Each structure stands twice: as structure tokens, then as C-alpha cells.
Amino acid sequence: MALFKYKPYYQYDGPTHSQPFRTELSLDNIQFNIEQFYSDLYNYFNDIEVNIEKEEDGFVSITADITQEDCDERVKNCLNSLDLFANRIPAN
């Protein structure tokens, strides 16, 4: 089983080509989306055995028998649905 760690965050750089109607989220919406990320993430791993833990410092740890690329793609899809980004943290 491999361990992957991510720290979600919000960043507004204006509308994009793929999202021309994107608007800046309020602080309440940002906090809501980040909290939603932790619970929604399970839906993106429902086809495999996985352990997902939210850590006190805002990181999320994912333990699963998948590749880094597969995990990154699943996390990215969840983040995109909530207009968020994440930094991948090397897990020891």
C-alpha cells in the first residue's frame, strides 16, 4: 500500500479559457469547499480499498494500492469539482 499526501487550497486567478464564467469565491464558500473536499474524496476512490484521513494541519493522507499518477488524477478530479487546488506532499 502506498501513502499519498495532499494539502488543498483555493486560488483565484480570474476566469480561464476552460472556465470563462469563473468568479471569486467568498471566504465562507472557500472554507465550505475545502471541508467538502475531505468528504467528497471518498467518492473518487469507491472502487478500491482505501484509507483516507484528514490530519489536523489540513493535510489529507491517502493509503491505497494504486500508482501516484492514478491517485493524483482522482484527487485532481475531486479538486476540480470544488474549484480547488492542492499541493502534493512527499510522504515518508
PDB file of N, CA and C in Angstrom:
ATOM      1  N   MET A   1       0.845  -1.179   0.000  1.00  0.00           N
ATOM      2  CA  MET A   1       0.000   0.000   0.000  1.00  0.00           C
ATOM      3  C   MET A   1       0.891   1.243   0.000  1.00  0.00           C
ATOM      4  N   ALA A   2       0.541   2.179  -0.834  1.00  0.00           N
ATOM      5  CA  ALA A   2       1.304   3.417  -0.940  1.00  0.00           C
ATOM      6  C   ALA A   2       0.597   4.530  -0.170  1.00  0.00           C
ATOM      7  N   LEU A   3       1.384   5.486   0.315  1.00  0.00           N
ATOM      8  CA  LEU A   3       0.856   6.627   1.056  1.00  0.00           C
ATOM      9  C   LEU A   3       1.044   7.890   0.226  1.00  0.00           C
ATOM     10  N   PHE A   4      -0.027   8.665   0.086  1.00  0.00           N
ATOM     11  CA  PHE A   4      -0.013   9.914  -0.662  1.00  0.00           C
ATOM     12  C   PHE A   4      -0.572  11.009   0.242  1.00  0.00           C
ATOM     13  N   LYS A   5       0.001  12.213   0.165  1.00  0.00           N
ATOM     14  CA  LYS A   5      -0.465  13.324   0.997  1.00  0.00           C
ATOM     15  C   LYS A   5      -0.683  14.559   0.129  1.00  0.00           C
ATOM     16  N   TYR A   6      -1.755  15.280   0.447  1.00  0.00           N
ATOM     17  CA  TYR A   6      -2.110  16.492  -0.286  1.00  0.00           C
ATOM     18  C   TYR A   6      -2.599  17.550   0.700  1.00  0.00           C
ATOM     19  N   LYS A   7      -2.419  18.795   0.324  1.00  0.00           N
ATOM     20  CA  LYS A   7      -2.952  19.912   1.107  1.00  0.00           C
ATOM     21  C   LYS A   7      -3.781  20.775   0.174  1.00  0.00           C
ATOM     22  N   PRO A   8      -5.122  20.768   0.329  1.00  0.00           N
ATOM     23  CA  PRO A   8      -5.982  21.554  -0.567  1.00  0.00           C
ATOM     24  C   PRO A   8      -5.920  23.051  -0.249  1.00  0.00           C
ATOM     25  N   TYR A   9      -6.120  23.843  -1.293  1.00  0.00           N
ATOM     26  CA  TYR A   9      -6.178  25.293  -1.128  1.00  0.00           C
ATOM     27  C   TYR A   9      -7.001  25.886  -2.272  1.00  0.00           C
ATOM     28  N   TYR A  10      -7.377  27.136  -2.084  1.00  0.00           N
ATOM     29  CA  TYR A  10      -8.128  27.865  -3.109  1.00  0.00           C
ATOM     30  C   TYR A  10      -7.241  28.966  -3.659  1.00  0.00           C
ATOM     31  N   GLN A  11      -7.328  29.180  -4.958  1.00  0.00           N
ATOM     32  CA  GLN A  11      -6.592  30.265  -5.606  1.00  0.00           C
ATOM     33  C   GLN A  11      -7.441  30.808  -6.742  1.00  0.00           C
ATOM     34  N   TYR A  12      -7.620  32.107  -6.750  1.00  0.00           N
ATOM     35  CA  TYR A  12      -8.395  32.726  -7.821  1.00  0.00           C
ATOM     36  C   TYR A  12      -7.473  33.567  -8.688  1.00  0.00           C
ATOM     37  N   ASP A  13      -7.348  33.182  -9.933  1.00  0.00           N
ATOM     38  CA  ASP A  13      -6.533  33.918 -10.902  1.00  0.00           C
ATOM     39  C   ASP A  13      -7.393  34.499 -12.007  1.00  0.00           C
ATOM     40  N   GLY A  14      -8.681  34.609 -11.749  1.00  0.00           N
ATOM     41  CA  GLY A  14      -9.585  35.129 -12.767  1.00  0.00           C
ATOM     42  C   GLY A  14     -10.162  34.019 -13.623  1.00  0.00           C
ATOM     43  N   PRO A  15     -11.024  34.386 -14.557  1.00  0.00           N
ATOM     44  CA  PRO A  15     -11.601  33.396 -15.469  1.00  0.00           C
ATOM     45  C   PRO A  15     -10.506  32.736 -16.315  1.00  0.00           C
ATOM     46  N   THR A  16     -10.772  31.528 -16.752  1.00  0.00           N
ATOM     47  CA  THR A  16      -9.830  30.811 -17.606  1.00  0.00           C
ATOM     48  C   THR A  16     -10.516  30.465 -18.919  1.00  0.00           C
ATOM     49  N   HIS A  17      -9.731  29.990 -19.856  1.00  0.00           N
ATOM     50  CA  HIS A  17     -10.296  29.583 -21.137  1.00  0.00           C
ATOM     51  C   HIS A  17     -11.315  28.455 -20.944  1.00  0.00           C
ATOM     52  N   SER A  18     -11.000  27.515 -20.059  1.00  0.00           N
ATOM     53  CA  SER A  18     -11.914  26.391 -19.826  1.00  0.00           C
ATOM     54  C   SER A  18     -13.062  26.769 -18.899  1.00  0.00           C
ATOM     55  N   GLN A  19     -12.906  27.845 -18.109  1.00  0.00           N
ATOM     56  CA  GLN A  19     -13.964  28.317 -17.210  1.00  0.00           C
ATOM     57  C   GLN A  19     -14.124  29.830 -17.358  1.00  0.00           C
ATOM     58  N   PRO A  20     -14.710  30.282 -18.465  1.00  0.00           N
ATOM     59  CA  PRO A  20     -14.793  31.718 -18.720  1.00  0.00           C
ATOM     60  C   PRO A  20     -15.709  32.480 -17.754  1.00  0.00           C
ATOM     61  N   PHE A  21     -16.589  31.787 -17.043  1.00  0.00           N
ATOM     62  CA  PHE A  21     -17.515  32.452 -16.119  1.00  0.00           C
ATOM     63  C   PHE A  21     -17.105  32.264 -14.664  1.00  0.00           C
ATOM     64  N   ARG A  22     -15.884  31.840 -14.433  1.00  0.00           N
ATOM     65  CA  ARG A  22     -15.392  31.610 -13.084  1.00  0.00           C
ATOM     66  C   ARG A  22     -15.351  32.938 -12.326  1.00  0.00           C
ATOM     67  N   THR A  23     -15.894  32.930 -11.096  1.00  0.00           N
ATOM     68  CA  THR A  23     -15.856  34.111 -10.236  1.00  0.00           C
ATOM     69  C   THR A  23     -15.189  33.736  -8.918  1.00  0.00           C
ATOM     70  N   GLU A  24     -14.722  34.742  -8.220  1.00  0.00           N
ATOM     71  CA  GLU A  24     -14.025  34.515  -6.961  1.00  0.00           C
ATOM     72  C   GLU A  24     -15.008  34.061  -5.890  1.00  0.00           C
ATOM     73  N   LEU A  25     -14.610  33.056  -5.109  1.00  0.00           N
ATOM     74  CA  LEU A  25     -15.442  32.545  -4.034  1.00  0.00           C
ATOM     75  C   LEU A  25     -15.287  33.395  -2.783  1.00  0.00           C
ATOM     76  N   SER A  26     -16.346  33.449  -1.984  1.00  0.00           N
ATOM     77  CA  SER A  26     -16.264  34.136  -0.693  1.00  0.00           C
ATOM     78  C   SER A  26     -15.476  33.268   0.282  1.00  0.00           C
ATOM     79  N   LEU A  27     -15.027  33.847   1.375  1.00  0.00           N
ATOM     80  CA  LEU A  27     -14.276  33.108   2.385  1.00  0.00           C
ATOM     81  C   LEU A  27     -15.092  31.939   2.932  1.00  0.00           C
ATOM     82  N   ASP A  28     -16.387  32.158   3.150  1.00  0.00           N
ATOM     83  CA  ASP A  28     -17.259  31.072   3.628  1.00  0.00           C
ATOM     84  C   ASP A  28     -17.336  29.938   2.613  1.00  0.00           C
ATOM     85  N   ASN A  29     -17.457  30.278   1.332  1.00  0.00           N
ATOM     86  CA  ASN A  29     -17.516  29.254   0.290  1.00  0.00           C
ATOM     87  C   ASN A  29     -16.193  28.505   0.159  1.00  0.00           C
ATOM     88  N   ILE A  30     -15.092  29.205   0.331  1.00  0.00           N
ATOM     89  CA  ILE A  30     -13.779  28.555   0.273  1.00  0.00           C
ATOM     90  C   ILE A  30     -13.666  27.534   1.403  1.00  0.00           C
ATOM     91  N   GLN A  31     -14.013  27.941   2.604  1.00  0.00           N
ATOM     92  CA  GLN A  31     -13.950  27.030   3.750  1.00  0.00           C
ATOM     93  C   GLN A  31     -14.892  25.838   3.552  1.00  0.00           C
ATOM     94  N   PHE A  32     -16.081  26.102   3.037  1.00  0.00           N
ATOM     95  CA  PHE A  32     -17.033  25.022   2.785  1.00  0.00           C
ATOM     96  C   PHE A  32     -16.470  24.041   1.760  1.00  0.00           C
ATOM     97  N   ASN A  33     -15.919  24.550   0.657  1.00  0.00           N
ATOM     98  CA  ASN A  33     -15.386  23.673  -0.398  1.00  0.00           C
ATOM     99  C   ASN A  33     -14.216  22.839   0.099  1.00  0.00           C
ATOM    100  N   ILE A  34     -13.360  23.427   0.909  1.00  0.00           N
ATOM    101  CA  ILE A  34     -12.237  22.661   1.440  1.00  0.00           C
ATOM    102  C   ILE A  34     -12.737  21.560   2.359  1.00  0.00           C
ATOM    103  N   GLU A  35     -13.696  21.840   3.209  1.00  0.00           N
ATOM    104  CA  GLU A  35     -14.268  20.791   4.070  1.00  0.00           C
ATOM    105  C   GLU A  35     -14.979  19.729   3.228  1.00  0.00           C
ATOM    106  N   GLN A  36     -15.653  20.176   2.183  1.00  0.00           N
ATOM    107  CA  GLN A  36     -16.354  19.247   1.296  1.00  0.00           C
ATOM    108  C   GLN A  36     -15.368  18.324   0.590  1.00  0.00           C
ATOM    109  N   PHE A  37     -14.195  18.829   0.272  1.00  0.00           N
ATOM    110  CA  PHE A  37     -13.166  18.029  -0.379  1.00  0.00           C
ATOM    111  C   PHE A  37     -12.868  16.767   0.420  1.00  0.00           C
ATOM    112  N   TYR A  38     -12.723  16.918   1.734  1.00  0.00           N
ATOM    113  CA  TYR A  38     -12.375  15.769   2.571  1.00  0.00           C
ATOM    114  C   TYR A  38     -13.454  14.685   2.533  1.00  0.00           C
ATOM    115  N   SER A  39     -14.707  15.069   2.495  1.00  0.00           N
ATOM    116  CA  SER A  39     -15.774  14.058   2.449  1.00  0.00           C
ATOM    117  C   SER A  39     -16.035  13.557   1.029  1.00  0.00           C
ATOM    118  N   ASP A  40     -15.940  14.437   0.026  1.00  0.00           N
ATOM    119  CA  ASP A  40     -16.180  14.024  -1.361  1.00  0.00           C
ATOM    120  C   ASP A  40     -15.095  13.096  -1.890  1.00  0.00           C
ATOM    121  N   LEU A  41     -13.920  13.201  -1.347  1.00  0.00           N
ATOM    122  CA  LEU A  41     -12.780  12.422  -1.836  1.00  0.00           C
ATOM    123  C   LEU A  41     -13.071  10.926  -1.830  1.00  0.00           C
ATOM    124  N   TYR A  42     -13.829  10.458  -0.861  1.00  0.00           N
ATOM    125  CA  TYR A  42     -14.182   9.031  -0.788  1.00  0.00           C
ATOM    126  C   TYR A  42     -14.885   8.564  -2.057  1.00  0.00           C
ATOM    127  N   ASN A  43     -15.703   9.413  -2.634  1.00  0.00           N
ATOM    128  CA  ASN A  43     -16.451   9.050  -3.843  1.00  0.00           C
ATOM    129  C   ASN A  43     -15.533   8.764  -5.033  1.00  0.00           C
ATOM    130  N   TYR A  44     -14.364   9.347  -5.045  1.00  0.00           N
ATOM    131  CA  TYR A  44     -13.429   9.161  -6.153  1.00  0.00           C
ATOM    132  C   TYR A  44     -12.548   7.925  -5.981  1.00  0.00           C
ATOM    133  N   PHE A  45     -12.674   7.274  -4.834  1.00  0.00           N
ATOM    134  CA  PHE A  45     -11.910   6.059  -4.550  1.00  0.00           C
ATOM    135  C   PHE A  45     -12.830   4.899  -4.188  1.00  0.00           C
ATOM    136  N   ASN A  46     -14.109   4.992  -4.548  1.00  0.00           N
ATOM    137  CA  ASN A  46     -15.083   3.989  -4.122  1.00  0.00           C
ATOM    138  C   ASN A  46     -14.908   2.626  -4.784  1.00  0.00           C
ATOM    139  N   ASP A  47     -14.068   2.536  -5.801  1.00  0.00           N
ATOM    140  CA  ASP A  47     -13.880   1.264  -6.497  1.00  0.00           C
ATOM    141  C   ASP A  47     -12.670   0.483  -5.992  1.00  0.00           C
ATOM    142  N   ILE A  48     -11.953   1.033  -5.010  1.00  0.00           N
ATOM    143  CA  ILE A  48     -10.776   0.345  -4.477  1.00  0.00           C
ATOM    144  C   ILE A  48     -10.773   0.443  -2.950  1.00  0.00           C
ATOM    145  N   GLU A  49      -9.960  -0.399  -2.326  1.00  0.00           N
ATOM    146  CA  GLU A  49      -9.785  -0.314  -0.881  1.00  0.00           C
ATOM    147  C   GLU A  49      -8.848   0.856  -0.592  1.00  0.00           C
ATOM    148  N   VAL A  50      -9.297   1.770   0.246  1.00  0.00           N
ATOM    149  CA  VAL A  50      -8.532   2.983   0.512  1.00  0.00           C
ATOM    150  C   VAL A  50      -8.751   3.431   1.952  1.00  0.00           C
ATOM    151  N   ASN A  51      -7.750   4.063   2.502  1.00  0.00           N
ATOM    152  CA  ASN A  51      -7.875   4.699   3.806  1.00  0.00           C
ATOM    153  C   ASN A  51      -7.562   6.178   3.607  1.00  0.00           C
ATOM    154  N   ILE A  52      -8.526   7.029   3.933  1.00  0.00           N
ATOM    155  CA  ILE A  52      -8.369   8.478   3.769  1.00  0.00           C
ATOM    156  C   ILE A  52      -8.502   9.111   5.143  1.00  0.00           C
ATOM    157  N   GLU A  53      -7.494   9.893   5.521  1.00  0.00           N
ATOM    158  CA  GLU A  53      -7.510  10.545   6.825  1.00  0.00           C
ATOM    159  C   GLU A  53      -7.234  12.030   6.689  1.00  0.00           C
ATOM    160  N   LYS A  54      -8.083  12.828   7.307  1.00  0.00           N
ATOM    161  CA  LYS A  54      -7.854  14.268   7.381  1.00  0.00           C
ATOM    162  C   LYS A  54      -6.989  14.510   8.609  1.00  0.00           C
ATOM    163  N   GLU A  55      -5.883  15.192   8.411  1.00  0.00           N
ATOM    164  CA  GLU A  55      -4.975  15.477   9.516  1.00  0.00           C
ATOM    165  C   GLU A  55      -5.278  16.857  10.087  1.00  0.00           C
ATOM    166  N   GLU A  56      -4.845  17.107  11.301  1.00  0.00           N
ATOM    167  CA  GLU A  56      -5.135  18.369  11.980  1.00  0.00           C
ATOM    168  C   GLU A  56      -4.590  19.590  11.256  1.00  0.00           C
ATOM    169  N   ASP A  57      -3.499  19.436  10.545  1.00  0.00           N
ATOM    170  CA  ASP A  57      -2.866  20.557   9.862  1.00  0.00           C
ATOM    171  C   ASP A  57      -3.460  20.836   8.480  1.00  0.00           C
ATOM    172  N   GLY A  58      -4.572  20.166   8.144  1.00  0.00           N
ATOM    173  CA  GLY A  58      -5.243  20.404   6.871  1.00  0.00           C
ATOM    174  C   GLY A  58      -4.821  19.469   5.758  1.00  0.00           C
ATOM    175  N   PHE A  59      -3.821  18.647   6.021  1.00  0.00           N
ATOM    176  CA  PHE A  59      -3.392  17.669   5.023  1.00  0.00           C
ATOM    177  C   PHE A  59      -4.385  16.520   4.981  1.00  0.00           C
ATOM    178  N   VAL A  60      -4.399  15.830   3.854  1.00  0.00           N
ATOM    179  CA  VAL A  60      -5.169  14.595   3.746  1.00  0.00           C
ATOM    180  C   VAL A  60      -4.176  13.501   3.357  1.00  0.00           C
ATOM    181  N   SER A  61      -4.254  12.376   4.066  1.00  0.00           N
ATOM    182  CA  SER A  61      -3.408  11.219   3.780  1.00  0.00           C
ATOM    183  C   SER A  61      -4.271  10.148   3.133  1.00  0.00           C
ATOM    184  N   ILE A  62      -3.776   9.603   2.035  1.00  0.00           N
ATOM    185  CA  ILE A  62      -4.495   8.562   1.302  1.00  0.00           C
ATOM    186  C   ILE A  62      -3.579   7.351   1.220  1.00  0.00           C
ATOM    187  N   THR A  63      -4.068   6.241   1.726  1.00  0.00           N
ATOM    188  CA  THR A  63      -3.320   4.988   1.647  1.00  0.00           C
ATOM    189  C   THR A  63      -4.109   4.041   0.765  1.00  0.00           C
ATOM    190  N   ALA A  64      -3.480   3.604  -0.334  1.00  0.00           N
ATOM    191  CA  ALA A  64      -4.167   2.730  -1.289  1.00  0.00           C
ATOM    192  C   ALA A  64      -3.130   1.987  -2.119  1.00  0.00           C
ATOM    193  N   ASP A  65      -3.565   0.935  -2.742  1.00  0.00           N
ATOM    194  CA  ASP A  65      -2.695   0.150  -3.610  1.00  0.00           C
ATOM    195  C   ASP A  65      -2.882   0.613  -5.060  1.00  0.00           C
ATOM    196  N   ILE A  66      -2.437   1.855  -5.342  1.00  0.00           N
ATOM    197  CA  ILE A  66      -2.523   2.443  -6.677  1.00  0.00           C
ATOM    198  C   ILE A  66      -1.239   3.217  -6.956  1.00  0.00           C
ATOM    199  N   THR A  67      -1.080   3.647  -8.190  1.00  0.00           N
ATOM    200  CA  THR A  67       0.099   4.429  -8.564  1.00  0.00           C
ATOM    201  C   THR A  67      -0.086   5.886  -8.173  1.00  0.00           C
ATOM    202  N   GLN A  68       1.015   6.605  -8.130  1.00  0.00           N
ATOM    203  CA  GLN A  68       0.969   8.045  -7.849  1.00  0.00           C
ATOM    204  C   GLN A  68       0.119   8.761  -8.892  1.00  0.00           C
ATOM    205  N   GLU A  69       0.267   8.378 -10.160  1.00  0.00           N
ATOM    206  CA  GLU A  69      -0.481   9.026 -11.238  1.00  0.00           C
ATOM    207  C   GLU A  69      -1.983   8.806 -11.087  1.00  0.00           C
ATOM    208  N   ASP A  70      -2.369   7.588 -10.723  1.00  0.00           N
ATOM    209  CA  ASP A  70      -3.793   7.279 -10.535  1.00  0.00           C
ATOM    210  C   ASP A  70      -4.357   8.074  -9.364  1.00  0.00           C
ATOM    211  N   CYS A  71      -3.612   8.123  -8.273  1.00  0.00           N
ATOM    212  CA  CYS A  71      -4.065   8.884  -7.113  1.00  0.00           C
ATOM    213  C   CYS A  71      -4.162  10.365  -7.446  1.00  0.00           C
ATOM    214  N   ASP A  72      -3.144  10.899  -8.107  1.00  0.00           N
ATOM    215  CA  ASP A  72      -3.163  12.315  -8.496  1.00  0.00           C
ATOM    216  C   ASP A  72      -4.382  12.644  -9.348  1.00  0.00           C
ATOM    217  N   GLU A  73      -4.701  11.774 -10.285  1.00  0.00           N
ATOM    218  CA  GLU A  73      -5.839  12.016 -11.182  1.00  0.00           C
ATOM    219  C   GLU A  73      -7.161  12.016 -10.421  1.00  0.00           C
ATOM    220  N   ARG A  74      -7.317  11.088  -9.498  1.00  0.00           N
ATOM    221  CA  ARG A  74      -8.555  11.026  -8.706  1.00  0.00           C
ATOM    222  C   ARG A  74      -8.696  12.266  -7.822  1.00  0.00           C
ATOM    223  N   VAL A  75      -7.596  12.652  -7.178  1.00  0.00           N
ATOM    224  CA  VAL A  75      -7.617  13.842  -6.325  1.00  0.00           C
ATOM    225  C   VAL A  75      -7.890  15.083  -7.174  1.00  0.00           C
ATOM    226  N   LYS A  76      -7.255  15.176  -8.329  1.00  0.00           N
ATOM    227  CA  LYS A  76      -7.459  16.320  -9.230  1.00  0.00           C
ATOM    228  C   LYS A  76      -8.924  16.443  -9.643  1.00  0.00           C
ATOM    229  N   ASN A  77      -9.557  15.332  -9.968  1.00  0.00           N
ATOM    230  CA  ASN A  77     -10.968  15.372 -10.361  1.00  0.00           C
ATOM    231  C   ASN A  77     -11.842  15.894  -9.223  1.00  0.00           C
ATOM    232  N   CYS A  78     -11.550  15.473  -8.015  1.00  0.00           N
ATOM    233  CA  CYS A  78     -12.300  15.962  -6.859  1.00  0.00           C
ATOM    234  C   CYS A  78     -12.053  17.450  -6.654  1.00  0.00           C
ATOM    235  N   LEU A  79     -10.797  17.859  -6.707  1.00  0.00           N
ATOM    236  CA  LEU A  79     -10.457  19.275  -6.543  1.00  0.00           C
ATOM    237  C   LEU A  79     -11.136  20.141  -7.592  1.00  0.00           C
ATOM    238  N   ASN A  80     -11.097  19.708  -8.844  1.00  0.00           N
ATOM    239  CA  ASN A  80     -11.708  20.481  -9.933  1.00  0.00           C
ATOM    240  C   ASN A  80     -13.204  20.675  -9.710  1.00  0.00           C
ATOM    241  N   SER A  81     -13.868  19.675  -9.170  1.00  0.00           N
ATOM    242  CA  SER A  81     -15.309  19.783  -8.943  1.00  0.00           C
ATOM    243  C   SER A  81     -15.637  20.834  -7.887  1.00  0.00           C
ATOM    244  N   LEU A  82     -14.650  21.188  -7.071  1.00  0.00           N
ATOM    245  CA  LEU A  82     -14.853  22.160  -5.989  1.00  0.00           C
ATOM    246  C   LEU A  82     -14.088  23.467  -6.209  1.00  0.00           C
ATOM    247  N   ASP A  83     -13.496  23.627  -7.391  1.00  0.00           N
ATOM    248  CA  ASP A  83     -12.725  24.823  -7.728  1.00  0.00           C
ATOM    249  C   ASP A  83     -11.553  25.018  -6.766  1.00  0.00           C
ATOM    250  N   LEU A  84     -10.864  23.918  -6.469  1.00  0.00           N
ATOM    251  CA  LEU A  84      -9.722  23.937  -5.563  1.00  0.00           C
ATOM    252  C   LEU A  84      -8.466  23.421  -6.249  1.00  0.00           C
ATOM    253  N   PHE A  85      -7.354  23.600  -5.591  1.00  0.00           N
ATOM    254  CA  PHE A  85      -6.066  23.058  -5.996  1.00  0.00           C
ATOM    255  C   PHE A  85      -5.480  22.344  -4.782  1.00  0.00           C
ATOM    256  N   ALA A  86      -4.376  21.634  -4.971  1.00  0.00           N
ATOM    257  CA  ALA A  86      -3.693  21.003  -3.833  1.00  0.00           C
ATOM    258  C   ALA A  86      -2.215  20.881  -4.139  1.00  0.00           C
ATOM    259  N   ASN A  87      -1.449  20.970  -3.090  1.00  0.00           N
ATOM    260  CA  ASN A  87      -0.034  20.677  -3.176  1.00  0.00           C
ATOM    261  C   ASN A  87       0.152  19.220  -2.774  1.00  0.00           C
ATOM    262  N   ARG A  88       0.907  18.488  -3.571  1.00  0.00           N
ATOM    263  CA  ARG A  88       1.233  17.115  -3.225  1.00  0.00           C
ATOM    264  C   ARG A  88       2.458  17.165  -2.319  1.00  0.00           C
ATOM    265  N   ILE A  89       2.381  16.490  -1.221  1.00  0.00           N
ATOM    266  CA  ILE A  89       3.444  16.483  -0.238  1.00  0.00           C
ATOM    267  C   ILE A  89       4.127  15.119  -0.272  1.00  0.00           C
ATOM    268  N   PRO A  90       5.436  15.088  -0.388  1.00  0.00           N
ATOM    269  CA  PRO A  90       6.109  13.784  -0.351  1.00  0.00           C
ATOM    270  C   PRO A  90       5.844  13.092   0.976  1.00  0.00           C
ATOM    271  N   ALA A  91       5.362  11.880   0.901  1.00  0.00           N
ATOM    272  CA  ALA A  91       5.093  11.091   2.112  1.00  0.00           C
ATOM    273  C   ALA A  91       6.334  10.276   2.444  1.00  0.00           C
ATOM    274  N   ASN A  92       6.654  10.216   3.713  1.00  0.00           N
ATOM    275  CA  ASN A  92       7.853   9.484   4.144  1.00  0.00           C
ATOM    276  C   ASN A  92       7.576   8.030   4.282  1.00  0.00           C
TER     277      ASN A  92
END
